[in-house]
C-alpha cells in the first residue's frame, strides 16, 4: 500500500476508528455494569445501555459539528 496517497491514509484512519472502540469497549463495560451494585446485587445493564447511548450521541454530535464538508 502506498501511503503517499491521501486515500490510503484516510482508509487507515477509518480502520483505526472502527477497531479501537471494538477493543476498548469490552474492557470498560464490566466497570460500567458494576457501578452502583452493592453486595451481590444484580448487574446494572440499564446503566450500560445509557452510557452507550450517551457516547453514541456525543460521537454523532462531534461528527456533525466538526466535519466541515465532504468531497
PDB file of N, CA and C in Angstrom:
ATOM      1  N   UNK A   1       0.844  -1.165   0.000  1.00  0.00           N
ATOM      2  CA  UNK A   1       0.000   0.000   0.000  1.00  0.00           C
ATOM      3  C   UNK A   1       0.898   1.240   0.000  1.00  0.00           C
ATOM      4  N   UNK A   2       0.609   2.155  -0.873  1.00  0.00           N
ATOM      5  CA  UNK A   2       1.385   3.375  -0.990  1.00  0.00           C
ATOM      6  C   UNK A   2       0.761   4.447  -0.099  1.00  0.00           C
ATOM      7  N   UNK A   3       1.466   4.835   0.956  1.00  0.00           N
ATOM      8  CA  UNK A   3       0.916   5.789   1.921  1.00  0.00           C
ATOM      9  C   UNK A   3       1.085   7.240   1.487  1.00  0.00           C
ATOM     10  N   UNK A   4       1.607   7.458   0.297  1.00  0.00           N
ATOM     11  CA  UNK A   4       1.739   8.830  -0.189  1.00  0.00           C
ATOM     12  C   UNK A   4       0.406   9.388  -0.655  1.00  0.00           C
ATOM     13  N   UNK A   5      -0.494   8.515  -1.026  1.00  0.00           N
ATOM     14  CA  UNK A   5      -1.807   8.963  -1.478  1.00  0.00           C
ATOM     15  C   UNK A   5      -2.702   9.200  -0.263  1.00  0.00           C
ATOM     16  N   UNK A   6      -3.425  10.303  -0.253  1.00  0.00           N
ATOM     17  CA  UNK A   6      -4.275  10.587   0.913  1.00  0.00           C
ATOM     18  C   UNK A   6      -5.380   9.557   1.109  1.00  0.00           C
ATOM     19  N   UNK A   7      -5.813   8.898   0.036  1.00  0.00           N
ATOM     20  CA  UNK A   7      -6.867   7.895   0.174  1.00  0.00           C
ATOM     21  C   UNK A   7      -6.404   6.746   1.068  1.00  0.00           C
ATOM     22  N   UNK A   8      -5.146   6.381   0.966  1.00  0.00           N
ATOM     23  CA  UNK A   8      -4.619   5.293   1.804  1.00  0.00           C
ATOM     24  C   UNK A   8      -4.583   5.711   3.268  1.00  0.00           C
ATOM     25  N   UNK A   9      -4.203   6.933   3.509  1.00  0.00           N
ATOM     26  CA  UNK A   9      -4.177   7.415   4.894  1.00  0.00           C
ATOM     27  C   UNK A   9      -5.583   7.474   5.472  1.00  0.00           C
ATOM     28  N   UNK A  10      -6.543   7.928   4.669  1.00  0.00           N
ATOM     29  CA  UNK A  10      -7.926   8.005   5.140  1.00  0.00           C
ATOM     30  C   UNK A  10      -8.477   6.617   5.435  1.00  0.00           C
ATOM     31  N   UNK A  11      -8.100   5.647   4.618  1.00  0.00           N
ATOM     32  CA  UNK A  11      -8.538   4.275   4.847  1.00  0.00           C
ATOM     33  C   UNK A  11      -7.978   3.752   6.168  1.00  0.00           C
ATOM     34  N   UNK A  12      -6.733   4.088   6.458  1.00  0.00           N
ATOM     35  CA  UNK A  12      -6.128   3.668   7.725  1.00  0.00           C
ATOM     36  C   UNK A  12      -6.817   4.340   8.911  1.00  0.00           C
ATOM     37  N   UNK A  13      -7.176   5.602   8.775  1.00  0.00           N
ATOM     38  CA  UNK A  13      -7.873   6.309   9.853  1.00  0.00           C
ATOM     39  C   UNK A  13      -9.223   5.663  10.118  1.00  0.00           C
ATOM     40  N   UNK A  14      -9.951   5.322   9.058  1.00  0.00           N
ATOM     41  CA  UNK A  14     -11.254   4.676   9.215  1.00  0.00           C
ATOM     42  C   UNK A  14     -11.095   3.311   9.876  1.00  0.00           C
ATOM     43  N   UNK A  15     -10.070   2.568   9.487  1.00  0.00           N
ATOM     44  CA  UNK A  15      -9.842   1.252  10.087  1.00  0.00           C
ATOM     45  C   UNK A  15      -9.575   1.373  11.589  1.00  0.00           C
ATOM     46  N   UNK A  16      -8.749   2.333  11.978  1.00  0.00           N
ATOM     47  CA  UNK A  16      -8.490   2.536  13.406  1.00  0.00           C
ATOM     48  C   UNK A  16      -9.731   3.029  14.130  1.00  0.00           C
ATOM     49  N   UNK A  17     -10.511   3.874  13.484  1.00  0.00           N
ATOM     50  CA  UNK A  17     -11.728   4.390  14.115  1.00  0.00           C
ATOM     51  C   UNK A  17     -12.727   3.276  14.392  1.00  0.00           C
ATOM     52  N   UNK A  18     -12.691   2.220  13.615  1.00  0.00           N
ATOM     53  CA  UNK A  18     -13.590   1.091  13.840  1.00  0.00           C
ATOM     54  C   UNK A  18     -13.020   0.097  14.845  1.00  0.00           C
ATOM     55  N   UNK A  19     -11.716  -0.092  14.848  1.00  0.00           N
ATOM     56  CA  UNK A  19     -11.114  -1.131  15.686  1.00  0.00           C
ATOM     57  C   UNK A  19     -10.868  -0.698  17.126  1.00  0.00           C
ATOM     58  N   UNK A  20     -10.555   0.546  17.344  1.00  0.00           N
ATOM     59  CA  UNK A  20     -10.252   0.999  18.706  1.00  0.00           C
ATOM     60  C   UNK A  20     -11.460   0.851  19.632  1.00  0.00           C
ATOM     61  N   UNK A  21     -12.667   1.318  19.253  1.00  0.00           N
ATOM     62  CA  UNK A  21     -13.816   1.111  20.149  1.00  0.00           C
ATOM     63  C   UNK A  21     -14.141  -0.365  20.366  1.00  0.00           C
ATOM     64  N   UNK A  22     -13.920  -1.186  19.346  1.00  0.00           N
ATOM     65  CA  UNK A  22     -14.188  -2.618  19.491  1.00  0.00           C
ATOM     66  C   UNK A  22     -13.231  -3.271  20.477  1.00  0.00           C
ATOM     67  N   UNK A  23     -12.049  -2.725  20.623  1.00  0.00           N
ATOM     68  CA  UNK A  23     -11.082  -3.277  21.563  1.00  0.00           C
ATOM     69  C   UNK A  23     -11.250  -2.705  22.971  1.00  0.00           C
ATOM     70  N   UNK A  24     -11.674  -1.457  23.064  1.00  0.00           N
ATOM     71  CA  UNK A  24     -11.762  -0.791  24.368  1.00  0.00           C
ATOM     72  C   UNK A  24     -13.081  -1.089  25.078  1.00  0.00           C
ATOM     73  N   UNK A  25     -14.167  -1.207  24.339  1.00  0.00           N
ATOM     74  CA  UNK A  25     -15.492  -1.396  24.950  1.00  0.00           C
ATOM     75  C   UNK A  25     -15.569  -2.621  25.865  1.00  0.00           C
ATOM     76  N   UNK A  26     -15.048  -3.787  25.466  1.00  0.00           N
ATOM     77  CA  UNK A  26     -15.115  -4.933  26.389  1.00  0.00           C
ATOM     78  C   UNK A  26     -14.293  -4.741  27.663  1.00  0.00           C
ATOM     79  N   UNK A  27     -13.322  -3.855  27.630  1.00  0.00           N
ATOM     80  CA  UNK A  27     -12.530  -3.594  28.835  1.00  0.00           C
ATOM     81  C   UNK A  27     -13.257  -2.658  29.798  1.00  0.00           C
ATOM     82  N   UNK A  28     -14.039  -1.735  29.258  1.00  0.00           N
ATOM     83  CA  UNK A  28     -14.723  -0.742  30.082  1.00  0.00           C
ATOM     84  C   UNK A  28     -16.109  -1.218  30.525  1.00  0.00           C
ATOM     85  N   UNK A  29     -16.764  -2.051  29.738  1.00  0.00           N
ATOM     86  CA  UNK A  29     -18.138  -2.481  30.033  1.00  0.00           C
ATOM     87  C   UNK A  29     -18.292  -3.113  31.421  1.00  0.00           C
ATOM     88  N   UNK A  30     -17.414  -4.000  31.866  1.00  0.00           N
ATOM     89  CA  UNK A  30     -17.600  -4.563  33.213  1.00  0.00           C
ATOM     90  C   UNK A  30     -17.553  -3.508  34.319  1.00  0.00           C
ATOM     91  N   UNK A  31     -16.745  -2.483  34.126  1.00  0.00           N
ATOM     92  CA  UNK A  31     -16.690  -1.411  35.128  1.00  0.00           C
ATOM     93  C   UNK A  31     -18.000  -0.638  35.171  1.00  0.00           C
ATOM     94  N   UNK A  32     -18.575  -0.363  34.000  1.00  0.00           N
ATOM     95  CA  UNK A  32     -19.840   0.374  33.945  1.00  0.00           C
ATOM     96  C   UNK A  32     -20.973  -0.473  34.516  1.00  0.00           C
ATOM     97  N   UNK A  33     -20.967  -1.762  34.225  1.00  0.00           N
ATOM     98  CA  UNK A  33     -22.029  -2.654  34.711  1.00  0.00           C
ATOM     99  C   UNK A  33     -22.016  -2.746  36.234  1.00  0.00           C
ATOM    100  N   UNK A  34     -20.836  -2.756  36.828  1.00  0.00           N
ATOM    101  CA  UNK A  34     -20.750  -2.937  38.279  1.00  0.00           C
ATOM    102  C   UNK A  34     -20.845  -1.632  39.064  1.00  0.00           C
ATOM    103  N   UNK A  35     -20.893  -0.485  38.399  1.00  0.00           N
ATOM    104  CA  UNK A  35     -21.065   0.782  39.119  1.00  0.00           C
ATOM    105  C   UNK A  35     -22.438   0.808  39.775  1.00  0.00           C
ATOM    106  N   UNK A  36     -22.479   1.125  41.019  1.00  0.00           N
ATOM    107  CA  UNK A  36     -23.746   1.224  41.728  1.00  0.00           C
ATOM    108  C   UNK A  36     -24.291  -0.097  42.242  1.00  0.00           C
ATOM    109  N   UNK A  37     -23.600  -1.202  42.020  1.00  0.00           N
ATOM    110  CA  UNK A  37     -24.048  -2.502  42.521  1.00  0.00           C
ATOM    111  C   UNK A  37     -23.469  -2.692  43.914  1.00  0.00           C
ATOM    112  N   UNK A  38     -24.315  -3.078  44.852  1.00  0.00           N
ATOM    113  CA  UNK A  38     -23.834  -3.258  46.216  1.00  0.00           C
ATOM    114  C   UNK A  38     -24.121  -4.669  46.701  1.00  0.00           C
ATOM    115  N   UNK A  39     -23.140  -5.280  47.294  1.00  0.00           N
ATOM    116  CA  UNK A  39     -23.295  -6.553  47.979  1.00  0.00           C
ATOM    117  C   UNK A  39     -24.025  -7.646  47.227  1.00  0.00           C
ATOM    118  N   UNK A  40     -23.546  -8.045  46.083  1.00  0.00           N
ATOM    119  CA  UNK A  40     -24.146  -9.159  45.352  1.00  0.00           C
ATOM    120  C   UNK A  40     -25.442  -8.823  44.649  1.00  0.00           C
ATOM    121  N   UNK A  41     -25.713  -7.555  44.460  1.00  0.00           N
ATOM    122  CA  UNK A  41     -26.928  -7.155  43.747  1.00  0.00           C
ATOM    123  C   UNK A  41     -26.831  -7.479  42.263  1.00  0.00           C
ATOM    124  N   UNK A  42     -27.919  -7.247  41.570  1.00  0.00           N
ATOM    125  CA  UNK A  42     -27.923  -7.525  40.134  1.00  0.00           C
ATOM    126  C   UNK A  42     -27.078  -6.496  39.399  1.00  0.00           C
ATOM    127  N   UNK A  43     -26.553  -6.934  38.281  1.00  0.00           N
ATOM    128  CA  UNK A  43     -25.722  -6.041  37.481  1.00  0.00           C
ATOM    129  C   UNK A  43     -26.588  -4.981  36.824  1.00  0.00           C
ATOM    130  N   UNK A  44     -26.002  -3.838  36.585  1.00  0.00           N
ATOM    131  CA  UNK A  44     -26.730  -2.672  36.116  1.00  0.00           C
ATOM    132  C   UNK A  44     -26.594  -2.524  34.596  1.00  0.00           C
ATOM    133  N   UNK A  45     -27.317  -3.359  33.841  1.00  0.00           N
ATOM    134  CA  UNK A  45     -27.234  -3.304  32.386  1.00  0.00           C
ATOM    135  C   UNK A  45     -27.926  -2.069  31.822  1.00  0.00           C
ATOM    136  N   UNK A  46     -28.915  -1.551  32.528  1.00  0.00           N
ATOM    137  CA  UNK A  46     -29.575  -0.324  32.072  1.00  0.00           C
ATOM    138  C   UNK A  46     -28.569   0.812  32.012  1.00  0.00           C
ATOM    139  N   UNK A  47     -27.731   0.891  33.000  1.00  0.00           N
ATOM    140  CA  UNK A  47     -26.702   1.928  33.021  1.00  0.00           C
ATOM    141  C   UNK A  47     -25.732   1.743  31.858  1.00  0.00           C
ATOM    142  N   UNK A  48     -25.401   0.509  31.518  1.00  0.00           N
ATOM    143  CA  UNK A  48     -24.508   0.244  30.388  1.00  0.00           C
ATOM    144  C   UNK A  48     -25.114   0.762  29.090  1.00  0.00           C
ATOM    145  N   UNK A  49     -26.407   0.493  28.879  1.00  0.00           N
ATOM    146  CA  UNK A  49     -27.061   0.966  27.658  1.00  0.00           C
ATOM    147  C   UNK A  49     -27.167   2.487  27.637  1.00  0.00           C
ATOM    148  N   UNK A  50     -27.420   3.094  28.783  1.00  0.00           N
ATOM    149  CA  UNK A  50     -27.493   4.557  28.832  1.00  0.00           C
ATOM    150  C   UNK A  50     -26.137   5.198  28.541  1.00  0.00           C
ATOM    151  N   UNK A  51     -25.084   4.637  29.085  1.00  0.00           N
ATOM    152  CA  UNK A  51     -23.738   5.152  28.804  1.00  0.00           C
ATOM    153  C   UNK A  51     -23.413   4.984  27.322  1.00  0.00           C
ATOM    154  N   UNK A  52     -23.773   3.842  26.755  1.00  0.00           N
ATOM    155  CA  UNK A  52     -23.559   3.629  25.325  1.00  0.00           C
ATOM    156  C   UNK A  52     -24.329   4.612  24.468  1.00  0.00           C
ATOM    157  N   UNK A  53     -25.572   4.900  24.859  1.00  0.00           N
ATOM    158  CA  UNK A  53     -26.386   5.862  24.111  1.00  0.00           C
ATOM    159  C   UNK A  53     -25.799   7.265  24.193  1.00  0.00           C
ATOM    160  N   UNK A  54     -25.336   7.651  25.372  1.00  0.00           N
ATOM    161  CA  UNK A  54     -24.739   8.978  25.534  1.00  0.00           C
ATOM    162  C   UNK A  54     -23.462   9.097  24.704  1.00  0.00           C
ATOM    163  N   UNK A  55     -22.638   8.057  24.715  1.00  0.00           N
ATOM    164  CA  UNK A  55     -21.410   8.097  23.926  1.00  0.00           C
ATOM    165  C   UNK A  55     -21.699   8.117  22.429  1.00  0.00           C
ATOM    166  N   UNK A  56     -22.713   7.366  21.989  1.00  0.00           N
ATOM    167  CA  UNK A  56     -23.088   7.385  20.571  1.00  0.00           C
ATOM    168  C   UNK A  56     -23.608   8.757  20.167  1.00  0.00           C
ATOM    169  N   UNK A  57     -24.417   9.361  21.019  1.00  0.00           N
ATOM    170  CA  UNK A  57     -24.929  10.705  20.744  1.00  0.00           C
ATOM    171  C   UNK A  57     -23.789  11.721  20.708  1.00  0.00           C
ATOM    172  N   UNK A  58     -22.862  11.612  21.638  1.00  0.00           N
ATOM    173  CA  UNK A  58     -21.715  12.524  21.655  1.00  0.00           C
ATOM    174  C   UNK A  58     -20.874  12.362  20.388  1.00  0.00           C
ATOM    175  N   UNK A  59     -20.659  11.131  19.965  1.00  0.00           N
ATOM    176  CA  UNK A  59     -19.907  10.897  18.735  1.00  0.00           C
ATOM    177  C   UNK A  59     -20.596  11.479  17.520  1.00  0.00           C
ATOM    178  N   UNK A  60     -21.910  11.319  17.449  1.00  0.00           N
ATOM    179  CA  UNK A  60     -22.667  11.886  16.339  1.00  0.00           C
ATOM    180  C   UNK A  60     -22.614  13.398  16.317  1.00  0.00           C
ATOM    181  N   UNK A  61     -22.708  14.016  17.486  1.00  0.00           N
ATOM    182  CA  UNK A  61     -22.636  15.477  17.558  1.00  0.00           C
ATOM    183  C   UNK A  61     -21.246  15.995  17.190  1.00  0.00           C
ATOM    184  N   UNK A  62     -20.227  15.279  17.599  1.00  0.00           N
ATOM    185  CA  UNK A  62     -18.864  15.678  17.228  1.00  0.00           C
ATOM    186  C   UNK A  62     -18.700  15.638  15.717  1.00  0.00           C
ATOM    187  N   UNK A  63     -19.175  14.579  15.088  1.00  0.00           N
ATOM    188  CA  UNK A  63     -19.076  14.478  13.629  1.00  0.00           C
ATOM    189  C   UNK A  63     -19.887  15.581  12.968  1.00  0.00           C
ATOM    190  N   UNK A  64     -21.091  15.825  13.463  1.00  0.00           N
ATOM    191  CA  UNK A  64     -21.959  16.843  12.855  1.00  0.00           C
ATOM    192  C   UNK A  64     -21.332  18.231  12.892  1.00  0.00           C
ATOM    193  N   UNK A  65     -20.715  18.587  14.003  1.00  0.00           N
ATOM    194  CA  UNK A  65     -20.205  19.946  14.137  1.00  0.00           C
ATOM    195  C   UNK A  65     -18.741  20.112  13.738  1.00  0.00           C
ATOM    196  N   UNK A  66     -17.984  19.037  13.652  1.00  0.00           N
ATOM    197  CA  UNK A  66     -16.567  19.157  13.307  1.00  0.00           C
ATOM    198  C   UNK A  66     -16.273  18.879  11.833  1.00  0.00           C
ATOM    199  N   UNK A  67     -17.087  18.076  11.165  1.00  0.00           N
ATOM    200  CA  UNK A  67     -16.854  17.789   9.748  1.00  0.00           C
ATOM    201  C   UNK A  67     -17.424  18.952   8.947  1.00  0.00           C
ATOM    202  N   UNK A  68     -16.564  19.648   8.244  1.00  0.00           N
ATOM    203  CA  UNK A  68     -16.986  20.848   7.517  1.00  0.00           C
ATOM    204  C   UNK A  68     -17.642  20.510   6.181  1.00  0.00           C
ATOM    205  N   UNK A  69     -17.046  19.590   5.431  1.00  0.00           N
ATOM    206  CA  UNK A  69     -17.613  19.243   4.125  1.00  0.00           C
ATOM    207  C   UNK A  69     -17.137  17.859   3.715  1.00  0.00           C
ATOM    208  N   UNK A  70     -17.809  17.327   2.720  1.00  0.00           N
ATOM    209  CA  UNK A  70     -17.473  16.017   2.177  1.00  0.00           C
ATOM    210  C   UNK A  70     -17.195  16.201   0.697  1.00  0.00           C
ATOM    211  N   UNK A  71     -16.172  15.519   0.230  1.00  0.00           N
ATOM    212  CA  UNK A  71     -15.873  15.623  -1.202  1.00  0.00           C
ATOM    213  C   UNK A  71     -16.819  14.800  -2.007  1.00  0.00           C
TER     214      UNK A  71
END
